[in-house]
N, C-alpha and C. Protein backbone atom coordinates (compact mmCIF):
# COMPACT_ATOMS: atom_id res chain seq x y z
N MET A 1 48.53 121.91 35.89
CA MET A 1 48.24 121.45 34.44
C MET A 1 48.61 122.29 33.44
N SER A 2 48.21 123.60 33.69
CA SER A 2 48.96 124.59 32.80
C SER A 2 50.46 124.43 32.42
N LYS A 3 51.29 124.27 33.43
CA LYS A 3 52.88 124.27 33.30
C LYS A 3 53.16 123.09 32.65
N SER A 4 52.36 121.90 32.87
CA SER A 4 52.86 120.79 32.09
C SER A 4 52.61 121.05 30.62
N ILE A 5 51.51 121.63 30.20
CA ILE A 5 50.95 121.70 28.84
C ILE A 5 52.19 122.66 28.09
N TYR A 6 52.58 123.81 28.85
CA TYR A 6 53.57 124.71 28.31
C TYR A 6 54.73 123.99 28.14
N LEU A 7 55.22 123.15 29.33
CA LEU A 7 56.53 122.40 28.98
C LEU A 7 56.44 121.40 27.75
N ALA A 8 55.49 120.63 27.77
CA ALA A 8 54.95 119.68 26.55
C ALA A 8 55.24 120.39 24.99
N VAL A 9 54.86 121.76 25.14
CA VAL A 9 54.79 122.66 23.99
C VAL A 9 56.19 122.87 23.42
N ILE A 10 56.66 123.21 24.67
CA ILE A 10 58.13 124.09 24.69
C ILE A 10 59.07 122.42 24.09
N LEU A 11 58.60 121.47 24.54
CA LEU A 11 59.45 120.28 23.92
C LEU A 11 59.19 119.92 22.91
N ILE A 12 57.90 119.90 22.18
CA ILE A 12 57.64 119.50 20.92
C ILE A 12 58.17 120.84 20.01
N MET A 13 58.21 121.85 20.63
CA MET A 13 58.73 122.83 19.36
C MET A 13 60.54 122.77 19.40
N ALA A 14 60.86 122.35 20.51
CA ALA A 14 62.57 121.94 20.25
C ALA A 14 62.56 121.16 19.38
N VAL A 15 61.80 119.90 19.34
CA VAL A 15 62.07 118.69 18.64
C VAL A 15 61.82 119.26 17.19
N VAL A 16 60.84 119.77 16.98
CA VAL A 16 60.47 120.66 15.45
C VAL A 16 61.85 121.34 15.05
N PHE A 17 62.06 122.39 15.96
CA PHE A 17 63.29 123.14 15.31
C PHE A 17 64.56 122.32 15.18
N SER A 18 64.92 121.38 15.95
CA SER A 18 66.05 120.80 15.85
C SER A 18 65.91 119.95 14.67
N GLY A 19 64.94 119.41 14.31
CA GLY A 19 64.59 118.77 12.92
C GLY A 19 64.98 119.55 11.62
N CYS A 20 64.11 120.71 11.76
CA CYS A 20 64.37 121.79 10.67
C CYS A 20 65.79 122.11 10.50
N ASN A 21 66.37 122.37 11.55
CA ASN A 21 67.97 122.52 11.60
C ASN A 21 68.97 121.56 10.96
N LYS A 22 68.68 120.43 11.48
CA LYS A 22 69.06 119.35 10.95
C LYS A 22 68.98 119.10 9.38
N PHE A 23 67.41 119.34 8.87
CA PHE A 23 67.54 119.49 7.33
C PHE A 23 68.51 120.56 6.59
N HIS A 24 68.03 121.74 7.49
CA HIS A 24 68.88 123.03 6.58
C HIS A 24 70.26 122.68 6.69
N SER A 25 70.81 121.95 7.78
CA SER A 25 72.33 121.77 7.67
C SER A 25 72.55 120.89 6.38
N LYS A 26 72.00 119.70 6.34
CA LYS A 26 72.29 118.88 5.14
C LYS A 26 72.02 119.43 3.92
N ALA A 27 70.91 120.46 3.54
CA ALA A 27 70.89 120.97 2.58
C ALA A 27 71.87 122.03 2.33
N SER A 28 72.70 122.77 3.56
CA SER A 28 73.62 123.61 3.38
C SER A 28 74.99 122.69 2.62
N GLN A 29 74.96 121.65 3.13
CA GLN A 29 76.02 120.91 3.07
C GLN A 29 76.08 120.39 1.27
N ALA A 30 74.98 120.09 1.08
CA ALA A 30 74.70 119.61 -0.20
C ALA A 30 74.93 120.82 -1.09
N GLN A 31 74.71 122.20 -0.83
CA GLN A 31 74.72 123.22 -1.76
C GLN A 31 76.34 123.37 -1.78
N THR A 32 76.86 123.23 -0.81
CA THR A 32 78.14 123.55 -0.61
C THR A 32 79.13 122.64 -1.63
N ALA A 33 78.71 121.39 -1.58
CA ALA A 33 79.47 120.44 -2.33
C ALA A 33 79.03 120.56 -3.71
N VAL A 34 78.05 121.06 -4.23
CA VAL A 34 77.83 121.74 -5.62
C VAL A 34 78.42 122.68 -6.07
N ASN A 35 78.73 123.73 -5.08
CA ASN A 35 79.40 124.89 -5.43
C ASN A 35 80.77 124.88 -5.41
N SER A 36 81.38 123.64 -4.78
CA SER A 36 82.66 123.46 -4.47
C SER A 36 83.32 122.87 -5.92
N SER A 37 82.37 122.55 -6.72
CA SER A 37 82.95 122.12 -7.98
C SER A 37 83.22 122.92 -8.96
N THR A 38 83.03 124.08 -8.94
CA THR A 38 83.12 125.34 -9.48
C THR A 38 83.41 126.63 -8.79
N PRO A 39 84.29 127.44 -9.10
CA PRO A 39 84.62 128.65 -8.41
C PRO A 39 83.45 130.06 -8.93
N TYR A 40 82.59 129.38 -9.99
CA TYR A 40 81.82 130.90 -10.35
C TYR A 40 80.58 130.64 -9.75
N ALA A 41 79.97 131.55 -9.31
CA ALA A 41 78.75 131.78 -8.75
C ALA A 41 77.74 131.07 -9.62
N ASP A 42 77.82 131.29 -11.06
CA ASP A 42 76.50 130.74 -11.71
C ASP A 42 76.44 129.17 -11.58
N GLY A 43 77.59 128.47 -11.16
CA GLY A 43 77.76 127.02 -11.25
C GLY A 43 78.13 126.59 -12.58
N ALA A 44 78.08 127.29 -13.50
CA ALA A 44 78.48 126.58 -14.92
C ALA A 44 80.01 126.24 -14.96
N ARG A 45 80.03 125.09 -15.74
CA ARG A 45 81.67 124.47 -16.02
C ARG A 45 82.36 125.40 -17.02
N ARG A 46 83.76 125.72 -16.85
CA ARG A 46 84.42 126.24 -17.63
C ARG A 46 85.03 125.38 -18.49
N VAL A 47 85.80 125.55 -19.73
CA VAL A 47 86.70 124.39 -20.42
C VAL A 47 87.86 125.42 -20.84
N THR A 48 88.64 124.70 -20.83
CA THR A 48 89.76 125.55 -21.50
C THR A 48 89.96 125.23 -22.94
N ILE A 49 91.04 126.18 -23.71
CA ILE A 49 90.66 126.05 -25.04
C ILE A 49 91.38 124.68 -25.65
N GLN A 50 92.06 124.06 -24.91
CA GLN A 50 92.40 122.65 -25.15
C GLN A 50 91.46 121.88 -24.93
N GLU A 51 90.65 121.71 -23.82
CA GLU A 51 89.67 120.85 -23.73
C GLU A 51 88.81 121.00 -24.79
N LEU A 52 88.18 122.21 -25.09
CA LEU A 52 87.38 122.47 -26.22
C LEU A 52 87.78 121.85 -27.54
N GLU A 53 89.11 122.10 -27.82
CA GLU A 53 89.36 121.42 -29.18
C GLU A 53 89.47 119.98 -28.75
N ASP A 54 89.79 119.51 -28.05
CA ASP A 54 89.80 117.90 -27.81
C ASP A 54 88.29 117.17 -27.52
N LEU A 55 87.52 117.80 -26.93
CA LEU A 55 86.08 117.36 -27.11
C LEU A 55 85.39 117.44 -28.40
N VAL A 56 85.85 118.61 -29.10
CA VAL A 56 85.00 118.75 -30.34
C VAL A 56 85.56 117.41 -31.40
N LYS A 57 87.11 117.50 -31.45
CA LYS A 57 87.75 116.48 -32.40
C LYS A 57 87.27 115.03 -32.01
N GLU A 58 86.98 114.79 -30.69
CA GLU A 58 86.55 113.47 -30.39
C GLU A 58 84.85 113.70 -30.49
N ASN A 59 84.13 114.58 -31.00
CA ASN A 59 82.90 114.41 -31.23
C ASN A 59 81.81 114.57 -29.96
N LYS A 60 82.63 114.90 -29.11
CA LYS A 60 81.83 114.96 -27.61
C LYS A 60 81.26 116.15 -27.23
N ALA A 61 81.58 117.19 -27.95
CA ALA A 61 81.00 118.38 -27.62
C ALA A 61 80.45 119.42 -28.94
N VAL A 62 79.57 120.13 -28.82
CA VAL A 62 79.19 121.19 -29.93
C VAL A 62 79.40 122.56 -29.14
N VAL A 63 79.90 123.42 -30.30
CA VAL A 63 79.71 124.82 -29.75
C VAL A 63 78.96 125.80 -30.18
N ILE A 64 78.40 126.57 -29.18
CA ILE A 64 77.19 127.44 -29.77
C ILE A 64 77.77 129.02 -29.41
N ASP A 65 77.75 129.69 -30.39
CA ASP A 65 78.06 130.90 -30.18
C ASP A 65 76.75 131.63 -29.97
N VAL A 66 76.74 132.41 -28.79
CA VAL A 66 75.13 133.06 -28.29
C VAL A 66 75.20 134.52 -28.52
N ARG A 67 75.97 135.10 -29.46
CA ARG A 67 76.09 136.42 -29.63
C ARG A 67 75.07 136.70 -30.66
N ASN A 68 74.91 137.82 -31.40
CA ASN A 68 74.33 138.16 -32.38
C ASN A 68 74.87 137.92 -33.75
N GLN A 69 74.02 138.31 -34.68
CA GLN A 69 74.61 137.96 -36.14
C GLN A 69 75.81 138.79 -36.31
N GLU A 70 75.78 139.97 -36.16
CA GLU A 70 77.05 140.87 -36.61
C GLU A 70 78.27 140.43 -35.93
N SER A 71 78.24 140.12 -34.55
CA SER A 71 79.18 139.78 -33.80
C SER A 71 79.92 138.39 -34.49
N TYR A 72 79.15 137.50 -34.59
CA TYR A 72 79.52 135.88 -35.28
C TYR A 72 79.88 136.35 -36.59
N ASP A 73 79.31 137.17 -37.38
CA ASP A 73 79.96 137.53 -38.69
C ASP A 73 81.36 137.96 -38.54
N ALA A 74 81.85 139.08 -37.63
CA ALA A 74 82.87 139.66 -37.51
C ALA A 74 84.04 138.56 -37.00
N GLY A 75 83.76 137.42 -36.54
CA GLY A 75 84.66 136.25 -36.00
C GLY A 75 83.99 135.35 -35.14
N HIS A 76 84.14 134.13 -35.20
CA HIS A 76 83.75 133.31 -34.36
C HIS A 76 84.61 131.79 -34.36
N ILE A 77 84.54 130.97 -33.55
CA ILE A 77 85.05 129.79 -33.31
C ILE A 77 84.70 128.58 -34.52
N PRO A 78 85.41 128.34 -35.13
CA PRO A 78 85.25 127.52 -36.38
C PRO A 78 84.44 126.50 -36.12
N GLY A 79 83.42 126.21 -36.84
CA GLY A 79 82.54 125.00 -36.63
C GLY A 79 81.52 125.57 -35.51
N ALA A 80 81.49 126.75 -35.00
CA ALA A 80 80.54 127.16 -34.16
C ALA A 80 79.02 127.44 -34.65
N LYS A 81 77.73 126.94 -34.07
CA LYS A 81 76.54 127.30 -34.65
C LYS A 81 76.28 128.57 -33.71
N LEU A 82 75.64 129.39 -34.60
CA LEU A 82 74.92 130.65 -34.17
C LEU A 82 73.42 130.46 -33.47
N ILE A 83 73.50 130.52 -32.27
CA ILE A 83 71.98 130.80 -31.58
C ILE A 83 72.01 131.76 -30.61
N PRO A 84 71.72 132.76 -31.04
CA PRO A 84 71.77 134.05 -29.85
C PRO A 84 71.06 133.79 -28.63
N ALA A 85 71.69 134.24 -27.59
CA ALA A 85 71.02 133.63 -26.63
C ALA A 85 69.54 133.92 -26.11
N GLY A 86 69.02 135.20 -26.53
CA GLY A 86 67.74 135.30 -26.61
C GLY A 86 66.74 134.16 -27.40
N GLU A 87 67.15 133.36 -28.25
CA GLU A 87 66.64 132.65 -29.20
C GLU A 87 67.07 131.04 -28.67
N ILE A 88 67.61 130.80 -27.68
CA ILE A 88 68.10 129.41 -27.48
C ILE A 88 66.72 128.73 -27.02
N VAL A 89 65.86 129.07 -26.46
CA VAL A 89 64.43 128.27 -26.28
C VAL A 89 63.75 127.81 -27.54
N ASN A 90 63.89 128.69 -28.49
CA ASN A 90 63.29 128.34 -29.54
C ASN A 90 64.11 127.54 -30.70
N HIS A 91 65.33 127.08 -30.05
CA HIS A 91 66.21 126.10 -30.95
C HIS A 91 66.56 124.83 -29.92
N ILE A 92 65.79 124.54 -28.97
CA ILE A 92 66.42 123.65 -27.95
C ILE A 92 66.64 122.30 -28.52
N ASN A 93 65.25 122.15 -29.40
CA ASN A 93 65.07 120.76 -30.20
C ASN A 93 66.47 120.54 -31.10
N GLU A 94 67.26 121.78 -31.49
CA GLU A 94 68.46 121.36 -32.42
C GLU A 94 69.74 120.97 -31.43
N LEU A 95 69.61 121.01 -30.19
CA LEU A 95 70.91 120.85 -29.44
C LEU A 95 70.75 119.23 -29.17
N PRO A 96 71.81 119.08 -29.33
CA PRO A 96 72.51 117.34 -29.08
C PRO A 96 72.14 117.02 -27.35
N LYS A 97 71.32 115.81 -27.14
CA LYS A 97 71.48 115.49 -25.96
C LYS A 97 72.35 114.53 -25.20
N ASP A 98 73.14 114.21 -26.50
CA ASP A 98 74.36 113.24 -25.85
C ASP A 98 75.82 113.79 -26.00
N LYS A 99 75.81 115.01 -25.98
CA LYS A 99 77.14 115.84 -26.08
C LYS A 99 77.07 116.99 -25.24
N LEU A 100 78.44 117.61 -24.96
CA LEU A 100 78.40 118.79 -24.10
C LEU A 100 78.38 120.00 -24.96
N ILE A 101 77.60 120.61 -24.42
CA ILE A 101 77.00 121.97 -25.07
C ILE A 101 78.07 123.15 -24.61
N ILE A 102 78.95 123.44 -25.13
CA ILE A 102 79.83 124.61 -25.05
C ILE A 102 79.22 126.02 -25.42
N THR A 103 78.91 127.06 -24.83
CA THR A 103 78.32 128.19 -25.17
C THR A 103 79.64 129.10 -24.97
N TYR A 104 79.65 130.27 -25.93
CA TYR A 104 80.24 131.63 -25.54
C TYR A 104 79.69 132.72 -25.99
N CYS A 105 80.22 133.77 -25.60
CA CYS A 105 79.82 135.11 -25.87
C CYS A 105 80.84 136.16 -26.07
N SER A 106 81.74 135.65 -26.10
CA SER A 106 83.12 136.90 -26.46
C SER A 106 84.34 136.22 -27.01
């Protein structure tokens, strides 16, 4: 009797672990698909200068300079709005929900 219980427990554990492995495999595949859309570890999309100019011209994007005031005053992308990185949360309501938000810090 104890051998049959032991075998039943092993069988149940095998089923559970195979299910977990299947779930983990699907999650890994999904993560790989997300990461493959960008070569950067942070997953953020990069835009070229030409893309930026086109998107802003078509009113499809806004440019946010996340540096400090001094750096902004020294030079910035024309039309960029200054919102230092540490203050973004305080200005979240000022950001458009219907446009691409392009940030830069250098």
